[in-house]
Amino acid sequence: MKKSDNKKDISRRDFVNLSANGVAGAALMPMIITSCSRIKGANDRISVAHVGVGERGSGELYGYFLPLKEALNVAPCDTYRSRRDKTAEKINAFYKQYESKDGICKTYLDMDELLERKDIDAVHITTPDHWHVPAAIKAARAGKHVMVAKPLSLCIQQNKLLTNIMKENNLVFHYGTQQRSYDHMQLGLNLIHDGAIGEIERVDVWSPWDPGVPSPVCNEAPVPEDFDFDRWTGPAPLKPYCPERVTNISSWFNYDYSIGFLGGWGAHPLDILVWIMKDKVNGSYTCEGTGSKWPEGGLYNTVLNWDVSCRYDNGLLVHFVSEDYAQKCNMLDHRRIKEGDGTTFYGTKGWISLSRSTAESNIPEIDEKLNNFPKSKDGWIQSENNTMGKRFIAAIQGKEQPLSPLDEAIISDTISHMGDIAIRTGRKLKWDPLSGQCVGDEEANRLNTREMRTPYTV
């Protein structure tokens, strides 16, 4: 297609950046679907649907997937009509400009109807937390590969069902913990696996905890015309609508939808723990913890801050805390830059500490290697963070193994849930990964499950 002479020519990357900036501030939501007919490329391409195109979902779509020639983005979806329509317009404009193809889009109210489409190969899920695994189960049953945003599940029970369906259908699962794709994280993994700090004896893990806003009171209000609140709620209990209930923060800190940042942010540094030490953290352990919840009376009611210890049968100790506890117990004293989340591995020869934008060691030659990356003026490592979509597509095509597979996502997710349950029960718990239950504790095991509202069961 010949471009107008007076039209400024922009690159594929420029288009993606401009599009992502245009949706900043939109809230993350799931489930209403707009599908675009598949456009055949010269080579076989992976056709991807995007379930949830709020702030995070659209950002990943434009940054992770739209620039990829190996992928064809065919179905933006959301419970807000305005979001799905706007996203479809951007995708269609992109393909029309760069591939001279006109997108033919149709909106869907029902994800199940979308999943009946045979041309969809994969589903990228960035809904509120309580929809992550149910949406993935539905997609997997339909034979679609899935990439799921963190945290994984609302309860441990759902993970078992997803595992079985993924295996039965021989599908690729990809967890949205993008820190694995960063070069300094990969270097840290290699150094630890090569024995640079000796045998690992303990690991400290910390993450942000406080969103910096008070818990709001929900005053019932009319549901906006372009929003399907029932589908947004999905399998969770249906409560009165108010604008504050369906924000990002409410979906992160209301126990109907999430277990708080214990899972939502903790998923990132815990994932690095599991990635590097899977063989040592996939067995039985005891878990105990203390913490506090949000003040009563508002929408937010998850565990707010935490101090959790997991002692594995092999002797490894994992201390998992919120950032405020990390500061109180001097957990960050060893670091020059006290980043808000991280994972420090203590070995018999020394330590390595890995965070999203920093990496340090008390062994000078290792510290020099970890810091031999481009940095900002403030000392933050500048990592390329838009490779997760590429890695997902490559795994589907059989070009590489999944970077963030389901079994590892479940290990880190379970640590978060065990911490939450230990705090709620006030007891030391014993986790048995073979049975998928807490040993001899019926109350704890009841907290491992959640009822699902009809008709949104799986």
Protein backbone atom coordinates (compact mmCIF):
# COMPACT_ATOMS: atom_id res chain seq x y z
CA MET A 1 0.00 0.00 0.00
CA LYS A 2 1.46 3.35 -1.04
CA LYS A 3 1.68 5.83 1.82
CA SER A 4 0.51 9.41 1.46
CA ASP A 5 3.36 11.79 0.64
CA ASN A 6 2.48 14.06 3.55
CA LYS A 7 2.18 11.22 6.06
CA LYS A 8 5.08 10.85 8.46
CA ASP A 9 6.70 7.45 8.12
CA ILE A 10 7.10 5.77 11.52
CA SER A 11 8.78 2.49 12.34
CA ARG A 12 7.05 -0.61 13.69
CA ARG A 13 8.73 0.08 17.03
CA ASP A 14 7.56 3.72 17.03
CA PHE A 15 3.99 2.62 16.38
CA VAL A 16 4.14 0.16 19.27
CA ASN A 17 5.56 2.77 21.66
CA LEU A 18 2.99 5.39 20.67
CA SER A 19 0.16 2.90 21.02
CA ALA A 20 1.31 1.75 24.45
CA ASN A 21 1.53 5.34 25.67
CA GLY A 22 -1.96 5.98 24.43
CA VAL A 23 -3.50 3.44 26.79
CA ALA A 24 -1.56 4.33 29.94
CA GLY A 25 -3.78 4.63 32.97
CA ALA A 26 -6.49 2.18 31.82
CA ALA A 27 -7.42 -0.45 34.41
CA LEU A 28 -6.63 -4.12 33.86
CA MET A 29 -9.79 -6.11 33.06
CA PRO A 30 -10.80 -9.39 31.38
CA MET A 31 -13.11 -11.24 29.17
CA ILE A 32 -15.22 -9.45 26.52
CA ILE A 33 -13.67 -10.29 23.21
CA THR A 34 -13.04 -8.67 19.86
CA SER A 35 -11.66 -11.08 17.24
CA CYS A 36 -9.93 -10.21 14.01
CA SER A 37 -9.83 -12.63 11.10
CA ARG A 38 -6.51 -14.32 10.58
CA ILE A 39 -4.23 -12.77 8.01
CA LYS A 40 -1.99 -15.37 6.39
CA GLY A 41 1.67 -14.43 6.15
CA ALA A 42 4.34 -15.81 3.87
CA ASN A 43 5.37 -18.16 6.67
CA ASP A 44 3.25 -20.02 9.19
CA ARG A 45 2.45 -17.59 11.98
CA ILE A 46 1.09 -18.11 15.48
CA SER A 47 -2.35 -16.57 15.85
CA VAL A 48 -2.76 -14.98 19.31
CA ALA A 49 -5.83 -13.80 21.22
CA HIS A 50 -5.41 -11.34 24.10
CA VAL A 51 -7.76 -11.77 27.06
CA GLY A 52 -7.61 -8.54 29.05
CA VAL A 53 -6.46 -5.34 27.32
CA GLY A 54 -6.38 -2.85 30.15
CA GLU A 55 -3.18 -1.09 31.13
CA ARG A 56 -1.02 -4.21 31.57
CA GLY A 57 -2.62 -6.32 28.86
CA SER A 58 -2.44 -3.69 26.14
CA GLY A 59 1.10 -2.77 27.18
CA GLU A 60 2.22 -6.39 26.74
CA LEU A 61 0.30 -6.71 23.48
CA TYR A 62 1.98 -3.64 21.96
CA GLY A 63 5.40 -4.31 23.49
CA TYR A 64 5.71 -8.09 23.50
CA PHE A 65 3.61 -9.29 20.57
CA LEU A 66 2.70 -6.68 17.97
CA PRO A 67 6.30 -6.16 16.73
CA LEU A 68 6.74 -9.91 16.10
CA LYS A 69 6.52 -11.05 12.49
CA GLU A 70 6.12 -14.62 13.80
CA ALA A 71 2.85 -13.72 15.55
CA LEU A 72 -0.51 -12.53 14.30
CA ASN A 73 -2.57 -10.72 16.89
CA VAL A 74 -6.17 -11.49 16.08
CA ALA A 75 -8.38 -11.05 19.15
CA PRO A 76 -8.10 -8.25 21.71
CA CYS A 77 -10.59 -8.84 24.51
CA ASP A 78 -11.93 -7.07 27.58
CA THR A 79 -15.07 -6.55 29.65
CA TYR A 80 -15.02 -2.89 28.62
CA ARG A 81 -16.36 -2.35 25.09
CA SER A 82 -14.35 0.85 24.70
CA ARG A 83 -11.09 -0.95 25.49
CA ARG A 84 -11.59 -3.88 23.15
CA ASP A 85 -12.75 -1.61 20.33
CA LYS A 86 -9.84 0.79 20.80
CA THR A 87 -7.34 -2.06 20.87
CA ALA A 88 -8.79 -3.65 17.75
CA GLU A 89 -8.52 -0.31 15.93
CA LYS A 90 -4.83 -0.03 16.85
CA ILE A 91 -4.05 -3.58 15.77
CA ASN A 92 -5.90 -3.15 12.48
CA ALA A 93 -4.14 0.16 11.80
CA PHE A 94 -0.79 -1.51 12.48
CA TYR A 95 -1.36 -4.39 10.07
CA LYS A 96 -2.84 -2.13 7.43
CA GLN A 97 0.22 0.13 7.51
CA TYR A 98 2.94 -2.50 7.71
CA GLU A 99 1.40 -5.47 5.90
CA SER A 100 -1.14 -3.76 3.62
CA LYS A 101 -3.88 -5.89 5.16
CA ASP A 102 -7.29 -4.73 6.33
CA GLY A 103 -8.42 -6.21 9.63
CA ILE A 104 -11.94 -7.59 9.81
CA CYS A 105 -13.01 -7.42 13.45
CA LYS A 106 -16.03 -8.77 15.32
CA THR A 107 -16.80 -8.32 19.00
CA TYR A 108 -17.64 -11.15 21.35
CA LEU A 109 -19.31 -11.13 24.75
CA ASP A 110 -18.33 -14.71 25.53
CA MET A 111 -14.80 -16.05 25.82
CA ASP A 112 -16.11 -19.56 25.16
CA GLU A 113 -17.36 -18.40 21.78
CA LEU A 114 -13.95 -16.99 20.96
CA LEU A 115 -12.28 -20.25 21.90
CA GLU A 116 -14.41 -22.12 19.36
CA ARG A 117 -12.38 -20.43 16.61
CA LYS A 118 -10.03 -22.95 15.02
CA ASP A 119 -7.65 -20.25 13.76
CA ILE A 120 -6.61 -19.20 17.28
CA ASP A 121 -3.36 -20.91 18.31
CA ALA A 122 -2.60 -19.21 21.61
CA VAL A 123 -4.18 -17.03 24.29
CA HIS A 124 -2.35 -14.33 26.23
CA ILE A 125 -4.13 -13.77 29.58
CA THR A 126 -3.77 -10.53 31.53
CA THR A 127 -7.03 -10.40 33.47
CA PRO A 128 -7.48 -9.63 37.17
CA ASP A 129 -5.87 -12.32 39.31
CA HIS A 130 -9.01 -14.37 40.01
CA TRP A 131 -9.53 -15.00 36.28
CA HIS A 132 -5.94 -16.09 35.48
CA VAL A 133 -6.24 -19.85 35.94
CA PRO A 134 -9.96 -20.24 35.04
CA ALA A 135 -9.30 -18.45 31.74
CA ALA A 136 -6.20 -20.58 31.16
CA ILE A 137 -8.18 -23.77 31.85
CA LYS A 138 -10.85 -22.75 29.35
CA ALA A 139 -8.20 -21.93 26.73
CA ALA A 140 -6.31 -25.18 27.31
CA ARG A 141 -9.48 -27.24 27.02
CA ALA A 142 -9.99 -25.59 23.65
CA GLY A 143 -6.48 -26.67 22.61
CA LYS A 144 -4.84 -23.24 22.87
CA HIS A 145 -1.35 -22.55 24.20
CA VAL A 146 -1.42 -20.07 27.08
CA MET A 147 0.70 -17.26 28.44
CA VAL A 148 -0.56 -16.15 31.87
CA ALA A 149 0.29 -12.98 33.78
CA LYS A 150 1.51 -13.33 37.34
CA PRO A 151 0.39 -14.20 39.99
CA LEU A 152 -0.79 -17.62 38.95
CA SER A 153 -3.86 -18.68 40.93
CA LEU A 154 -6.40 -17.65 43.51
CA CYS A 155 -5.98 -21.03 45.23
CA ILE A 156 -3.70 -24.07 44.98
CA GLN A 157 -6.55 -26.37 43.96
CA GLN A 158 -6.95 -24.63 40.59
CA ASN A 159 -3.31 -25.31 39.69
CA LYS A 160 -3.84 -29.09 39.76
CA LEU A 161 -6.64 -28.93 37.21
CA LEU A 162 -4.67 -26.65 34.88
CA THR A 163 -1.64 -28.97 35.06
CA ASN A 164 -3.70 -32.00 34.05
CA ILE A 165 -5.38 -30.26 31.11
CA MET A 166 -2.13 -28.81 29.78
CA LYS A 167 -0.51 -32.27 29.85
CA GLU A 168 -3.51 -33.98 28.25
CA ASN A 169 -3.48 -31.55 25.34
CA ASN A 170 0.33 -31.28 25.03
CA LEU A 171 0.28 -27.48 25.20
CA VAL A 172 2.85 -24.80 25.94
CA PHE A 173 2.45 -22.76 29.11
CA HIS A 174 4.38 -19.53 29.59
CA TYR A 175 4.33 -17.55 32.85
CA GLY A 176 4.56 -13.77 32.62
CA THR A 177 7.51 -13.31 34.97
CA GLN A 178 9.61 -11.22 32.63
CA GLN A 179 12.64 -10.93 34.93
CA ARG A 180 13.85 -14.31 33.64
CA SER A 181 14.49 -12.67 30.28
CA TYR A 182 16.91 -10.09 31.68
CA ASP A 183 20.59 -10.62 30.91
CA HIS A 184 21.84 -9.93 34.44
CA MET A 185 19.37 -12.49 35.82
CA GLN A 186 20.62 -15.10 33.34
CA LEU A 187 24.20 -14.32 34.35
CA GLY A 188 23.29 -14.71 38.02
CA LEU A 189 21.72 -18.09 37.32
CA ASN A 190 24.81 -19.27 35.43
CA LEU A 191 27.19 -18.12 38.17
CA ILE A 192 25.22 -19.86 40.92
CA HIS A 193 24.84 -23.05 38.88
CA ASP A 194 28.59 -23.01 38.19
CA GLY A 195 29.27 -22.97 41.94
CA ALA A 196 30.60 -19.42 42.11
CA ILE A 197 29.22 -18.90 45.63
CA GLY A 198 29.37 -22.53 46.73
CA GLU A 199 26.53 -24.58 48.17
CA ILE A 200 23.42 -22.49 48.81
CA GLU A 201 22.37 -22.58 52.47
CA ARG A 202 19.64 -19.94 52.63
CA VAL A 203 17.78 -17.49 50.42
CA ASP A 204 16.22 -14.16 51.36
CA VAL A 205 13.29 -12.95 49.24
CA TRP A 206 11.48 -9.60 49.55
CA SER A 207 8.98 -7.56 47.60
CA PRO A 208 6.85 -4.39 47.78
CA TRP A 209 3.76 -4.52 49.98
CA ASP A 210 2.00 -1.15 50.28
CA PRO A 211 0.25 0.54 47.32
CA GLY A 212 0.38 3.84 49.21
CA VAL A 213 -3.38 4.45 49.20
CA PRO A 214 -6.08 3.90 51.85
CA SER A 215 -8.69 1.16 51.52
CA PRO A 216 -11.85 2.74 50.05
CA VAL A 217 -15.44 2.17 51.11
CA CYS A 218 -17.70 0.80 48.38
CA ASN A 219 -20.86 2.85 47.84
CA GLU A 220 -23.03 1.02 45.31
CA ALA A 221 -23.38 2.78 41.97
CA PRO A 222 -24.88 2.05 38.51
CA VAL A 223 -22.73 -0.18 36.30
CA PRO A 224 -21.33 1.75 33.28
CA GLU A 225 -23.11 0.99 30.02
CA ASP A 226 -20.00 -0.30 28.24
CA PHE A 227 -18.88 -2.58 31.12
CA ASP A 228 -19.98 -6.16 31.88
CA PHE A 229 -19.50 -6.29 35.64
CA ASP A 230 -20.94 -9.81 35.92
CA ARG A 231 -18.29 -11.21 33.58
CA TRP A 232 -15.55 -9.17 35.26
CA THR A 233 -16.59 -10.78 38.55
CA GLY A 234 -16.77 -14.20 36.89
CA PRO A 235 -16.16 -17.07 39.34
CA ALA A 236 -15.79 -14.73 42.34
CA PRO A 237 -18.72 -13.83 44.64
CA LEU A 238 -20.93 -11.17 43.07
CA LYS A 239 -20.80 -8.03 45.24
CA PRO A 240 -22.32 -4.55 44.76
CA TYR A 241 -20.71 -2.56 41.97
CA CYS A 242 -18.77 0.61 42.69
CA PRO A 243 -15.96 2.13 40.60
CA GLU A 244 -13.42 1.47 43.37
CA ARG A 245 -14.09 -2.29 43.27
CA VAL A 246 -12.89 -2.76 39.69
CA THR A 247 -9.63 -0.82 39.79
CA ASN A 248 -6.24 -2.50 39.53
CA ILE A 249 -5.56 -1.95 43.21
CA SER A 250 -8.87 -3.40 44.36
CA SER A 251 -8.33 -6.50 42.23
CA TRP A 252 -4.92 -6.87 43.90
CA PHE A 253 -6.01 -6.33 47.51
CA ASN A 254 -9.53 -7.76 47.78
CA TYR A 255 -9.52 -11.39 48.95
CA ASP A 256 -12.34 -12.28 46.54
CA TYR A 257 -9.91 -11.63 43.69
CA SER A 258 -6.37 -12.00 45.07
CA ILE A 259 -4.15 -12.75 48.07
CA GLY A 260 -2.48 -9.33 47.84
CA PHE A 261 1.12 -8.50 47.02
CA LEU A 262 2.22 -11.60 48.91
CA GLY A 263 1.39 -13.28 45.60
CA GLY A 264 1.03 -10.37 43.20
CA TRP A 265 4.50 -8.86 43.69
CA GLY A 266 6.08 -11.76 45.52
CA ALA A 267 5.67 -13.82 42.35
CA HIS A 268 8.64 -12.02 40.76
CA PRO A 269 11.45 -12.58 43.32
CA LEU A 270 10.04 -16.00 44.26
CA ASP A 271 10.16 -16.96 40.59
CA ILE A 272 13.87 -16.16 40.51
CA LEU A 273 14.33 -18.40 43.56
CA VAL A 274 12.56 -21.28 41.81
CA TRP A 275 14.26 -20.67 38.45
CA ILE A 276 17.70 -20.93 40.00
CA MET A 277 17.02 -23.54 42.70
CA LYS A 278 14.17 -25.68 41.41
CA ASP A 279 15.80 -28.94 42.51
CA LYS A 280 16.02 -27.71 46.10
CA VAL A 281 12.61 -26.05 46.44
CA ASN A 282 10.34 -28.63 44.80
CA GLY A 283 10.08 -30.86 47.87
CA SER A 284 8.40 -30.82 51.28
CA TYR A 285 8.82 -27.95 53.72
CA THR A 286 7.37 -26.35 56.81
CA CYS A 287 5.98 -22.84 56.59
CA GLU A 288 5.21 -20.36 59.33
CA GLY A 289 4.60 -16.65 59.28
CA THR A 290 3.22 -13.51 60.80
CA GLY A 291 1.69 -10.46 59.21
CA SER A 292 -1.14 -7.96 59.26
CA LYS A 293 -4.26 -7.34 57.20
CA TRP A 294 -5.84 -4.13 55.97
CA PRO A 295 -7.96 -2.26 58.52
CA GLU A 296 -11.58 -3.45 58.54
CA GLY A 297 -14.36 -1.50 56.86
CA GLY A 298 -12.89 -0.97 53.38
CA LEU A 299 -12.68 -2.95 50.15
CA TYR A 300 -9.15 -4.17 50.75
CA ASN A 301 -8.89 -7.20 53.04
CA THR A 302 -5.88 -9.29 52.03
CA VAL A 303 -2.71 -9.84 54.05
CA LEU A 304 -0.93 -6.50 53.80
CA ASN A 305 2.61 -7.23 55.05
CA TRP A 306 4.31 -10.47 55.98
CA ASP A 307 7.27 -12.32 57.47
CA VAL A 308 7.29 -15.94 56.25
CA SER A 309 9.88 -18.68 56.74
CA CYS A 310 10.01 -21.94 54.78
CA ARG A 311 12.33 -24.69 56.02
CA TYR A 312 12.84 -27.45 53.47
CA ASP A 313 13.46 -31.07 54.40
CA ASN A 314 16.87 -30.78 52.71
CA GLY A 315 17.87 -28.01 55.15
CA LEU A 316 17.46 -24.97 52.90
CA LEU A 317 15.88 -21.93 54.58
CA VAL A 318 13.84 -19.43 52.54
CA HIS A 319 12.93 -16.19 54.32
CA PHE A 320 10.20 -14.36 52.39
CA VAL A 321 9.14 -10.92 53.61
CA SER A 322 7.51 -7.68 52.57
CA GLU A 323 9.81 -4.73 52.01
CA ASP A 324 8.98 -3.09 55.35
CA TYR A 325 10.00 -6.25 57.21
CA ALA A 326 13.16 -6.48 55.11
CA GLN A 327 14.12 -3.03 56.32
CA LYS A 328 13.23 -3.75 59.96
CA CYS A 329 15.25 -6.97 60.11
CA ASN A 330 18.23 -5.47 58.22
CA MET A 331 17.78 -7.89 55.33
CA LEU A 332 18.92 -5.23 52.84
CA ASP A 333 21.99 -4.01 54.73
CA HIS A 334 24.30 -5.99 52.47
CA ARG A 335 23.19 -4.08 49.35
CA ARG A 336 24.49 -0.78 48.00
CA ILE A 337 21.17 -0.13 46.24
CA LYS A 338 18.22 -1.26 48.36
CA GLU A 339 15.77 -2.11 45.60
CA GLY A 340 12.18 -2.86 46.60
CA ASP A 341 12.22 -6.48 45.46
CA GLY A 342 14.94 -9.06 45.18
CA THR A 343 16.37 -12.48 45.89
CA THR A 344 19.67 -12.98 47.74
CA PHE A 345 21.38 -16.38 47.59
CA TYR A 346 23.79 -17.13 50.44
CA GLY A 347 26.35 -19.83 49.70
CA THR A 348 29.34 -21.30 51.47
CA LYS A 349 31.68 -19.00 49.50
CA GLY A 350 29.65 -15.77 49.46
CA TRP A 351 26.39 -14.27 48.21
CA ILE A 352 24.72 -13.03 45.04
CA SER A 353 21.72 -10.68 45.20
CA LEU A 354 19.49 -10.25 42.14
CA SER A 355 16.78 -7.63 41.65
CA ARG A 356 14.87 -6.31 38.66
CA SER A 357 17.28 -3.43 38.02
CA THR A 358 20.33 -4.22 40.18
CA ALA A 359 22.67 -7.10 40.93
CA GLU A 360 25.40 -7.36 43.56
CA SER A 361 27.81 -9.78 45.23
CA ASN A 362 30.30 -9.65 48.09
CA ILE A 363 32.85 -11.38 45.84
CA PRO A 364 34.54 -8.54 43.87
CA GLU A 365 35.10 -10.36 40.59
CA ILE A 366 31.50 -11.62 40.56
CA ASP A 367 30.16 -8.19 41.48
CA GLU A 368 32.10 -6.70 38.56
CA LYS A 369 30.54 -9.20 36.14
CA LEU A 370 27.03 -8.59 37.48
CA ASN A 371 27.41 -4.86 36.95
CA ASN A 372 28.92 -4.97 33.48
CA PHE A 373 25.65 -3.91 31.83
CA PRO A 374 24.34 -0.58 30.52
CA LYS A 375 22.95 1.51 33.37
CA SER A 376 20.91 4.62 33.94
CA LYS A 377 22.44 7.62 35.68
CA ASP A 378 20.86 6.33 38.92
CA GLY A 379 22.66 3.01 38.63
CA TRP A 380 19.75 0.89 37.38
CA ILE A 381 20.61 -1.87 34.91
CA GLN A 382 18.86 -1.23 31.60
CA SER A 383 17.34 -4.54 30.57
CA GLU A 384 15.42 -5.36 27.43
CA ASN A 385 12.01 -6.30 28.77
CA ASN A 386 9.90 -7.03 25.70
CA THR A 387 11.20 -10.52 24.86
CA MET A 388 8.57 -12.57 26.71
CA GLY A 389 6.18 -12.65 23.78
CA LYS A 390 9.00 -13.74 21.49
CA ARG A 391 10.00 -16.53 23.87
CA PHE A 392 6.39 -17.74 24.09
CA ILE A 393 6.00 -17.85 20.32
CA ALA A 394 9.37 -19.61 19.92
CA ALA A 395 8.31 -22.29 22.40
CA ILE A 396 5.06 -22.89 20.51
CA GLN A 397 7.03 -23.22 17.28
CA GLY A 398 9.33 -25.76 18.93
CA LYS A 399 12.42 -23.55 18.60
CA GLU A 400 13.17 -23.55 22.34
CA GLN A 401 11.90 -24.87 25.65
CA PRO A 402 9.42 -22.66 27.54
CA LEU A 403 11.31 -20.06 29.57
CA SER A 404 8.76 -20.00 32.42
CA PRO A 405 6.96 -23.38 32.54
CA LEU A 406 3.88 -24.25 34.58
CA ASP A 407 5.48 -26.59 37.12
CA GLU A 408 7.89 -23.86 38.21
CA ALA A 409 5.12 -21.26 38.32
CA ILE A 410 3.20 -23.55 40.66
CA ILE A 411 6.15 -23.95 43.04
CA SER A 412 6.54 -20.20 43.54
CA ASP A 413 2.77 -19.65 43.63
CA THR A 414 2.42 -22.29 46.33
CA ILE A 415 4.98 -20.54 48.55
CA SER A 416 2.83 -17.39 48.40
CA HIS A 417 -0.33 -19.31 49.24
CA MET A 418 1.35 -21.23 52.06
CA GLY A 419 2.53 -17.95 53.55
CA ASP A 420 -0.97 -16.52 53.31
CA ILE A 421 -2.54 -19.58 54.94
CA ALA A 422 0.10 -19.78 57.68
CA ILE A 423 -0.61 -16.15 58.60
CA ARG A 424 -4.39 -16.68 58.54
CA THR A 425 -4.29 -19.84 60.68
CA GLY A 426 -1.46 -18.69 62.94
CA ARG A 427 0.14 -22.14 62.72
CA LYS A 428 3.25 -23.81 61.34
CA LEU A 429 2.18 -25.85 58.33
CA LYS A 430 3.77 -28.78 56.53
CA TRP A 431 3.45 -28.76 52.74
CA ASP A 432 3.48 -32.07 50.86
CA PRO A 433 3.88 -31.48 47.10
CA LEU A 434 3.00 -35.09 46.24
CA SER A 435 -0.47 -34.90 47.75
CA GLY A 436 -0.80 -31.19 47.08
CA GLN A 437 -1.99 -30.62 50.64
CA CYS A 438 -0.95 -29.44 54.07
CA VAL A 439 -0.20 -32.48 56.22
CA GLY A 440 -2.82 -33.15 58.91
CA ASP A 441 -4.50 -29.71 58.78
CA GLU A 442 -8.08 -29.70 57.47
CA GLU A 443 -8.59 -25.98 58.02
CA ALA A 444 -5.48 -25.09 56.02
CA ASN A 445 -6.54 -27.41 53.20
CA ARG A 446 -9.98 -25.77 53.07
CA LEU A 447 -8.21 -22.47 52.51
CA ASN A 448 -6.45 -24.11 49.52
CA THR A 449 -9.77 -24.14 47.65
CA ARG A 450 -12.27 -21.51 46.47
CA GLU A 451 -15.88 -21.98 45.42
CA MET A 452 -16.63 -20.78 41.90
CA ARG A 453 -19.81 -18.92 41.01
CA THR A 454 -22.13 -20.45 38.41
CA PRO A 455 -21.97 -20.24 35.39
CA TYR A 456 -18.27 -19.34 35.58
CA THR A 457 -17.07 -22.70 36.88
CA VAL A 458 -14.40 -24.81 35.19
